[in-house]
PDB file of N, CA and C in Angstrom:
ATOM      1  N   MET A   1       2.566  15.302  13.732  1.00  0.00           N
ATOM      2  CA  MET A   1       1.655  14.471  12.812  1.00  0.00           C
ATOM      3  C   MET A   1       1.887  15.549  11.688  1.00  0.00           C
ATOM      4  N   ARG A   2       1.837  16.569  11.614  1.00  0.00           N
ATOM      5  CA  ARG A   2       1.630  17.831  10.496  1.00  0.00           C
ATOM      6  C   ARG A   2       2.374  17.485   9.188  1.00  0.00           C
ATOM      7  N   ASP A   3       3.880  17.037   9.791  1.00  0.00           N
ATOM      8  CA  ASP A   3       4.783  16.858   8.657  1.00  0.00           C
ATOM      9  C   ASP A   3       4.629  15.431   7.938  1.00  0.00           C
ATOM     10  N   LEU A   4       3.775  14.576   8.786  1.00  0.00           N
ATOM     11  CA  LEU A   4       3.453  13.304   7.917  1.00  0.00           C
ATOM     12  C   LEU A   4       2.749  13.314   6.563  1.00  0.00           C
ATOM     13  N   ILE A   5       2.054  14.678   6.566  1.00  0.00           N
ATOM     14  CA  ILE A   5       0.933  14.602   5.833  1.00  0.00           C
ATOM     15  C   ILE A   5       1.411  14.592   4.144  1.00  0.00           C
ATOM     16  N   ALA A   6       2.456  15.265   4.043  1.00  0.00           N
ATOM     17  CA  ALA A   6       2.984  14.995   2.493  1.00  0.00           C
ATOM     18  C   ALA A   6       3.695  13.731   2.526  1.00  0.00           C
ATOM     19  N   LEU A   7       3.719  13.022   3.293  1.00  0.00           N
ATOM     20  CA  LEU A   7       4.301  11.554   3.071  1.00  0.00           C
ATOM     21  C   LEU A   7       3.937  10.897   1.998  1.00  0.00           C
ATOM     22  N   LYS A   8       4.783   9.825   1.467  1.00  0.00           N
ATOM     23  CA  LYS A   8       4.221   8.869   0.287  1.00  0.00           C
ATOM     24  C   LYS A   8       4.803   7.541   0.908  1.00  0.00           C
ATOM     25  N   ILE A   9       3.868   6.734   0.953  1.00  0.00           N
ATOM     26  CA  ILE A   9       3.805   5.510   1.784  1.00  0.00           C
ATOM     27  C   ILE A   9       3.649   4.228   0.722  1.00  0.00           C
ATOM     28  N   LEU A  10       4.324   3.198   0.749  1.00  0.00           N
ATOM     29  CA  LEU A  10       3.895   1.986   0.383  1.00  0.00           C
ATOM     30  C   LEU A  10       3.440   0.921   1.347  1.00  0.00           C
ATOM     31  N   ASP A  11       2.266   0.264   0.877  1.00  0.00           N
ATOM     32  CA  ASP A  11       1.880  -1.021   1.474  1.00  0.00           C
ATOM     33  C   ASP A  11       1.896  -1.619   0.779  1.00  0.00           C
ATOM     34  N   ILE A  12       2.766  -2.899   1.049  1.00  0.00           N
ATOM     35  CA  ILE A  12       3.363  -4.337   0.350  1.00  0.00           C
ATOM     36  C   ILE A  12       2.413  -5.162   1.127  1.00  0.00           C
ATOM     37  N   GLY A  13       1.593  -5.798  -0.045  1.00  0.00           N
ATOM     38  CA  GLY A  13       0.549  -6.890   0.794  1.00  0.00           C
ATOM     39  C   GLY A  13      -0.309  -6.296   1.304  1.00  0.00           C
ATOM     40  N   SER A  14      -0.851  -5.054   0.397  1.00  0.00           N
ATOM     41  CA  SER A  14      -2.155  -4.611   1.094  1.00  0.00           C
ATOM     42  C   SER A  14      -3.598  -5.079   0.667  1.00  0.00           C
ATOM     43  N   GLY A  15      -3.352  -6.381   0.044  1.00  0.00           N
ATOM     44  CA  GLY A  15      -4.833  -7.104   0.471  1.00  0.00           C
ATOM     45  C   GLY A  15      -5.944  -6.246  -0.062  1.00  0.00           C
ATOM     46  N   MET A  16      -6.833  -6.234   0.620  1.00  0.00           N
ATOM     47  CA  MET A  16      -8.046  -5.183   0.633  1.00  0.00           C
ATOM     48  C   MET A  16      -8.268  -3.996   0.975  1.00  0.00           C
ATOM     49  N   GLY A  17      -6.959  -3.406   1.689  1.00  0.00           N
ATOM     50  CA  GLY A  17      -6.543  -2.158   1.535  1.00  0.00           C
ATOM     51  C   GLY A  17      -6.825  -1.560   3.032  1.00  0.00           C
ATOM     52  N   HIS A  18      -7.150  -2.609   3.990  1.00  0.00           N
ATOM     53  CA  HIS A  18      -7.807  -1.953   5.056  1.00  0.00           C
ATOM     54  C   HIS A  18      -6.454  -1.322   5.983  1.00  0.00           C
ATOM     55  N   THR A  19      -5.209  -1.804   6.033  1.00  0.00           N
ATOM     56  CA  THR A  19      -4.101  -0.822   6.724  1.00  0.00           C
ATOM     57  C   THR A  19      -3.822   0.064   5.420  1.00  0.00           C
ATOM     58  N   SER A  20      -4.154   0.245   4.549  1.00  0.00           N
ATOM     59  CA  SER A  20      -3.981   2.007   3.636  1.00  0.00           C
ATOM     60  C   SER A  20      -4.858   2.540   4.137  1.00  0.00           C
ATOM     61  N   LEU A  21      -6.446   2.020   3.964  1.00  0.00           N
ATOM     62  CA  LEU A  21      -7.113   3.015   4.567  1.00  0.00           C
ATOM     63  C   LEU A  21      -6.978   3.376   6.044  1.00  0.00           C
ATOM     64  N   HIS A  22      -6.616   2.416   6.916  1.00  0.00           N
ATOM     65  CA  HIS A  22      -6.197   3.141   8.535  1.00  0.00           C
ATOM     66  C   HIS A  22      -4.854   4.339   7.970  1.00  0.00           C
ATOM     67  N   LEU A  23      -4.039   4.117   7.640  1.00  0.00           N
ATOM     68  CA  LEU A  23      -3.208   4.998   7.468  1.00  0.00           C
ATOM     69  C   LEU A  23      -3.636   6.501   7.123  1.00  0.00           C
ATOM     70  N   TYR A  24      -4.424   6.445   5.743  1.00  0.00           N
ATOM     71  CA  TYR A  24      -4.665   7.710   5.509  1.00  0.00           C
ATOM     72  C   TYR A  24      -5.697   8.447   6.179  1.00  0.00           C
ATOM     73  N   GLN A  25      -6.565   7.453   7.000  1.00  0.00           N
ATOM     74  CA  GLN A  25      -7.593   8.214   8.263  1.00  0.00           C
ATOM     75  C   GLN A  25      -6.698   8.651   9.149  1.00  0.00           C
ATOM     76  N   VAL A  26      -5.911   7.805   9.654  1.00  0.00           N
ATOM     77  CA  VAL A  26      -4.693   8.234  10.862  1.00  0.00           C
ATOM     78  C   VAL A  26      -4.112   9.320  10.655  1.00  0.00           C
ATOM     79  N   LEU A  27      -3.430   9.189   9.764  1.00  0.00           N
ATOM     80  CA  LEU A  27      -2.216  10.512   9.188  1.00  0.00           C
ATOM     81  C   LEU A  27      -2.776  11.531   8.248  1.00  0.00           C
ATOM     82  N   LYS A  28      -4.099  11.651   8.091  1.00  0.00           N
ATOM     83  CA  LYS A  28      -4.533  12.706   7.428  1.00  0.00           C
ATOM     84  C   LYS A  28      -3.911  13.215   6.111  1.00  0.00           C
ATOM     85  N   SER A  29      -4.523  11.836   5.109  1.00  0.00           N
ATOM     86  CA  SER A  29      -4.620  12.161   3.963  1.00  0.00           C
ATOM     87  C   SER A  29      -2.810  12.089   3.321  1.00  0.00           C
ATOM     88  N   PRO A  30      -2.067  11.136   3.801  1.00  0.00           N
ATOM     89  CA  PRO A  30      -0.798  11.087   2.726  1.00  0.00           C
ATOM     90  C   PRO A  30      -0.935  10.177   1.627  1.00  0.00           C
ATOM     91  N   GLU A  31      -0.320  10.357   0.816  1.00  0.00           N
ATOM     92  CA  GLU A  31      -0.575   9.439  -0.458  1.00  0.00           C
ATOM     93  C   GLU A  31       0.037   8.044   0.014  1.00  0.00           C
ATOM     94  N   VAL A  32      -0.836   7.127  -0.345  1.00  0.00           N
ATOM     95  CA  VAL A  32      -0.868   5.696   0.431  1.00  0.00           C
ATOM     96  C   VAL A  32      -0.466   4.545  -1.126  1.00  0.00           C
ATOM     97  N   VAL A  33       0.162   4.006  -1.414  1.00  0.00           N
ATOM     98  CA  VAL A  33       0.020   3.024  -2.437  1.00  0.00           C
ATOM     99  C   VAL A  33       0.120   1.857  -2.161  1.00  0.00           C
ATOM    100  N   GLY A  34      -0.627   1.134  -2.361  1.00  0.00           N
ATOM    101  CA  GLY A  34      -1.157  -0.500  -2.146  1.00  0.00           C
ATOM    102  C   GLY A  34      -0.541  -1.361  -3.272  1.00  0.00           C
ATOM    103  N   ILE A  35       0.167  -2.194  -3.133  1.00  0.00           N
ATOM    104  CA  ILE A  35       0.668  -3.281  -4.008  1.00  0.00           C
ATOM    105  C   ILE A  35       0.100  -4.613  -3.327  1.00  0.00           C
ATOM    106  N   ASP A  36      -0.209  -5.567  -4.217  1.00  0.00           N
ATOM    107  CA  ASP A  36      -0.546  -7.172  -4.070  1.00  0.00           C
ATOM    108  C   ASP A  36      -0.235  -7.986  -5.146  1.00  0.00           C
ATOM    109  N   VAL A  37      -0.300  -9.121  -4.823  1.00  0.00           N
ATOM    110  CA  VAL A  37      -0.389  -9.899  -6.131  1.00  0.00           C
ATOM    111  C   VAL A  37      -1.888 -10.551  -6.311  1.00  0.00           C
ATOM    112  N   SER A  38      -2.437 -10.660  -5.719  1.00  0.00           N
ATOM    113  CA  SER A  38      -4.216 -10.709  -5.678  1.00  0.00           C
ATOM    114  C   SER A  38      -4.844  -9.723  -6.216  1.00  0.00           C
ATOM    115  N   GLY A  39      -5.086 -10.016  -7.451  1.00  0.00           N
ATOM    116  CA  GLY A  39      -5.876  -8.883  -8.118  1.00  0.00           C
ATOM    117  C   GLY A  39      -7.633  -8.660  -7.471  1.00  0.00           C
ATOM    118  N   VAL A  40      -8.213  -9.862  -6.749  1.00  0.00           N
ATOM    119  CA  VAL A  40      -9.299  -9.751  -5.992  1.00  0.00           C
ATOM    120  C   VAL A  40      -9.175  -8.950  -5.152  1.00  0.00           C
ATOM    121  N   GLY A  41      -7.858  -9.051  -4.439  1.00  0.00           N
ATOM    122  CA  GLY A  41      -8.058  -8.410  -2.685  1.00  0.00           C
ATOM    123  C   GLY A  41      -7.758  -6.871  -3.700  1.00  0.00           C
ATOM    124  N   LEU A  42      -7.269  -6.389  -4.519  1.00  0.00           N
ATOM    125  CA  LEU A  42      -6.857  -5.270  -5.123  1.00  0.00           C
ATOM    126  C   LEU A  42      -8.086  -4.381  -5.250  1.00  0.00           C
ATOM    127  N   GLN A  43      -9.413  -5.286  -6.103  1.00  0.00           N
ATOM    128  CA  GLN A  43     -10.379  -4.945  -6.353  1.00  0.00           C
ATOM    129  C   GLN A  43     -11.134  -4.317  -5.453  1.00  0.00           C
ATOM    130  N   LYS A  44     -11.149  -5.316  -4.252  1.00  0.00           N
ATOM    131  CA  LYS A  44     -11.933  -4.613  -3.108  1.00  0.00           C
ATOM    132  C   LYS A  44     -11.271  -3.245  -2.418  1.00  0.00           C
ATOM    133  N   ALA A  45      -9.917  -3.320  -2.788  1.00  0.00           N
ATOM    134  CA  ALA A  45      -9.390  -2.200  -2.160  1.00  0.00           C
ATOM    135  C   ALA A  45      -9.705  -0.712  -2.928  1.00  0.00           C
ATOM    136  N   ARG A  46      -9.660  -0.853  -4.375  1.00  0.00           N
ATOM    137  CA  ARG A  46     -10.206   0.293  -4.940  1.00  0.00           C
ATOM    138  C   ARG A  46     -11.917   0.291  -4.908  1.00  0.00           C
ATOM    139  N   TYR A  47     -12.513  -0.100  -4.618  1.00  0.00           N
ATOM    140  CA  TYR A  47     -13.937   0.027  -4.118  1.00  0.00           C
ATOM    141  C   TYR A  47     -14.019   0.455  -2.725  1.00  0.00           C
ATOM    142  N   LEU A  48     -13.185   0.097  -1.595  1.00  0.00           N
ATOM    143  CA  LEU A  48     -13.349   0.938  -0.447  1.00  0.00           C
ATOM    144  C   LEU A  48     -12.585   1.975  -0.401  1.00  0.00           C
ATOM    145  N   MET A  49     -11.385   2.170  -1.003  1.00  0.00           N
ATOM    146  CA  MET A  49     -10.699   3.642  -0.996  1.00  0.00           C
ATOM    147  C   MET A  49     -10.321   4.183  -2.316  1.00  0.00           C
ATOM    148  N   GLY A  50     -10.525   3.520  -3.432  1.00  0.00           N
ATOM    149  CA  GLY A  50     -10.147   4.282  -4.453  1.00  0.00           C
ATOM    150  C   GLY A  50      -8.920   4.544  -4.645  1.00  0.00           C
ATOM    151  N   GLY A  51      -8.198   5.193  -5.241  1.00  0.00           N
ATOM    152  CA  GLY A  51      -6.569   5.361  -5.001  1.00  0.00           C
ATOM    153  C   GLY A  51      -6.314   4.418  -5.937  1.00  0.00           C
ATOM    154  N   SER A  52      -4.641   4.643  -5.244  1.00  0.00           N
ATOM    155  CA  SER A  52      -3.709   3.775  -6.462  1.00  0.00           C
ATOM    156  C   SER A  52      -3.570   1.902  -5.502  1.00  0.00           C
ATOM    157  N   PHE A  53      -3.676   1.316  -5.976  1.00  0.00           N
ATOM    158  CA  PHE A  53      -3.558   0.136  -5.878  1.00  0.00           C
ATOM    159  C   PHE A  53      -2.984  -1.096  -6.766  1.00  0.00           C
ATOM    160  N   ILE A  54      -2.015  -1.246  -6.656  1.00  0.00           N
ATOM    161  CA  ILE A  54      -1.571  -1.746  -8.155  1.00  0.00           C
ATOM    162  C   ILE A  54      -1.034  -3.247  -8.096  1.00  0.00           C
ATOM    163  N   LEU A  55      -1.353  -4.070  -9.104  1.00  0.00           N
ATOM    164  CA  LEU A  55      -1.131  -5.348  -9.024  1.00  0.00           C
ATOM    165  C   LEU A  55       0.455  -5.574  -9.215  1.00  0.00           C
ATOM    166  N   ALA A  56       1.180  -5.755  -8.434  1.00  0.00           N
ATOM    167  CA  ALA A  56       2.652  -6.494  -8.039  1.00  0.00           C
ATOM    168  C   ALA A  56       3.162  -7.007  -7.377  1.00  0.00           C
ATOM    169  N   ASP A  57       4.496  -7.398  -7.429  1.00  0.00           N
ATOM    170  CA  ASP A  57       5.255  -8.204  -6.542  1.00  0.00           C
ATOM    171  C   ASP A  57       6.264  -7.459  -5.810  1.00  0.00           C
ATOM    172  N   ALA A  58       6.397  -7.358  -4.676  1.00  0.00           N
ATOM    173  CA  ALA A  58       7.428  -6.971  -3.811  1.00  0.00           C
ATOM    174  C   ALA A  58       8.677  -7.116  -4.222  1.00  0.00           C
ATOM    175  N   ALA A  59       9.225  -8.587  -4.829  1.00  0.00           N
ATOM    176  CA  ALA A  59      10.011  -8.821  -5.210  1.00  0.00           C
ATOM    177  C   ALA A  59      10.936  -8.486  -6.384  1.00  0.00           C
ATOM    178  N   SER A  60       9.462  -7.574  -6.910  1.00  0.00           N
ATOM    179  CA  SER A  60       9.954  -6.629  -8.458  1.00  0.00           C
ATOM    180  C   SER A  60       9.250  -5.622  -8.287  1.00  0.00           C
ATOM    181  N   LEU A  61       9.543  -4.205  -7.270  1.00  0.00           N
ATOM    182  CA  LEU A  61       8.893  -3.157  -7.181  1.00  0.00           C
ATOM    183  C   LEU A  61       8.766  -2.501  -8.496  1.00  0.00           C
ATOM    184  N   PRO A  62       7.722  -2.183  -9.268  1.00  0.00           N
ATOM    185  CA  PRO A  62       7.436  -1.444 -10.389  1.00  0.00           C
ATOM    186  C   PRO A  62       7.743   0.503 -10.117  1.00  0.00           C
ATOM    187  N   PHE A  63       8.629   0.840  -9.257  1.00  0.00           N
ATOM    188  CA  PHE A  63       8.719   2.022  -8.966  1.00  0.00           C
ATOM    189  C   PHE A  63      10.114   2.152  -8.486  1.00  0.00           C
ATOM    190  N   LYS A  64      10.803   3.713  -9.173  1.00  0.00           N
ATOM    191  CA  LYS A  64      12.106   3.872  -9.159  1.00  0.00           C
ATOM    192  C   LYS A  64      12.458   4.038  -7.720  1.00  0.00           C
ATOM    193  N   ASP A  65      13.758   3.589  -7.063  1.00  0.00           N
ATOM    194  CA  ASP A  65      14.252   3.890  -5.793  1.00  0.00           C
ATOM    195  C   ASP A  65      14.068   4.974  -5.259  1.00  0.00           C
ATOM    196  N   SER A  66      13.849   5.282  -4.181  1.00  0.00           N
ATOM    197  CA  SER A  66      13.598   6.139  -2.706  1.00  0.00           C
ATOM    198  C   SER A  66      12.331   7.083  -3.482  1.00  0.00           C
ATOM    199  N   SER A  67      11.292   6.128  -3.872  1.00  0.00           N
ATOM    200  CA  SER A  67      10.107   6.620  -4.618  1.00  0.00           C
ATOM    201  C   SER A  67       9.165   6.877  -3.253  1.00  0.00           C
ATOM    202  N   PHE A  68       9.472   6.407  -2.165  1.00  0.00           N
ATOM    203  CA  PHE A  68       8.624   6.455  -1.123  1.00  0.00           C
ATOM    204  C   PHE A  68       9.619   6.569   0.404  1.00  0.00           C
ATOM    205  N   GLN A  69       8.625   7.493   1.385  1.00  0.00           N
ATOM    206  CA  GLN A  69       9.602   7.643   2.364  1.00  0.00           C
ATOM    207  C   GLN A  69       9.295   6.918   3.614  1.00  0.00           C
ATOM    208  N   TYR A  70       8.076   5.940   3.366  1.00  0.00           N
ATOM    209  CA  TYR A  70       7.754   4.650   4.318  1.00  0.00           C
ATOM    210  C   TYR A  70       7.417   3.697   3.528  1.00  0.00           C
ATOM    211  N   VAL A  71       7.690   2.313   3.613  1.00  0.00           N
ATOM    212  CA  VAL A  71       7.021   1.069   3.460  1.00  0.00           C
ATOM    213  C   VAL A  71       6.427   0.349   4.286  1.00  0.00           C
ATOM    214  N   VAL A  72       5.520  -0.240   4.553  1.00  0.00           N
ATOM    215  CA  VAL A  72       4.723  -0.748   5.558  1.00  0.00           C
ATOM    216  C   VAL A  72       4.475  -2.353   5.096  1.00  0.00           C
ATOM    217  N   LEU A  73       4.274  -3.303   5.775  1.00  0.00           N
ATOM    218  CA  LEU A  73       4.365  -4.781   5.655  1.00  0.00           C
ATOM    219  C   LEU A  73       3.550  -5.193   6.889  1.00  0.00           C
ATOM    220  N   LYS A  74       2.182  -5.632   6.786  1.00  0.00           N
ATOM    221  CA  LYS A  74       1.852  -5.910   7.799  1.00  0.00           C
ATOM    222  C   LYS A  74       0.929  -6.912   7.281  1.00  0.00           C
ATOM    223  N   ASP A  75       0.858  -8.330   7.976  1.00  0.00           N
ATOM    224  CA  ASP A  75       0.325  -9.225   7.742  1.00  0.00           C
ATOM    225  C   ASP A  75       0.399  -9.830   6.712  1.00  0.00           C
ATOM    226  N   ILE A  76       1.430 -10.385   5.950  1.00  0.00           N
ATOM    227  CA  ILE A  76       1.338 -10.737   4.731  1.00  0.00           C
ATOM    228  C   ILE A  76       2.622 -12.102   5.193  1.00  0.00           C
ATOM    229  N   GLY A  77       2.308 -13.485   4.403  1.00  0.00           N
ATOM    230  CA  GLY A  77       3.126 -14.549   4.771  1.00  0.00           C
ATOM    231  C   GLY A  77       3.798 -14.719   3.392  1.00  0.00           C
ATOM    232  N   THR A  78       4.962 -15.730   3.608  1.00  0.00           N
ATOM    233  CA  THR A  78       5.690 -15.767   2.487  1.00  0.00           C
ATOM    234  C   THR A  78       5.370 -17.173   2.086  1.00  0.00           C
ATOM    235  N   CYS A  79       5.814 -17.419   0.819  1.00  0.00           N
ATOM    236  CA  CYS A  79       5.708 -18.758   0.104  1.00  0.00           C
ATOM    237  C   CYS A  79       6.897 -19.424  -0.297  1.00  0.00           C
ATOM    238  N   ALA A  80       7.636 -20.180  -0.005  1.00  0.00           N
ATOM    239  CA  ALA A  80       9.176 -20.801  -0.248  1.00  0.00           C
ATOM    240  C   ALA A  80       8.749 -21.852  -1.280  1.00  0.00           C
ATOM    241  N   ARG A  81       9.590 -22.080  -2.572  1.00  0.00           N
ATOM    242  CA  ARG A  81       9.668 -22.935  -3.247  1.00  0.00           C
ATOM    243  C   ARG A  81      10.610 -23.770  -3.162  1.00  0.00           C
TER     244      ARG A  81
END
């Protein structure tokens, strides 16, 4: 697990930050960045964790390619038009 400390992880659909917080606690301080389309959820995530929570859509990520070693998608729903 020690080699996971320096990882940069993207949590897509982070909502209120529960998964991001869990990753942070279990992996002992990796850099976890959460994105979500809900500003309300992100406000709560920032309150819980501080850190990097960004209002963004997974279909148009505001990051350069290869910015993260791992991407997590947990409990997200999709909406088709």
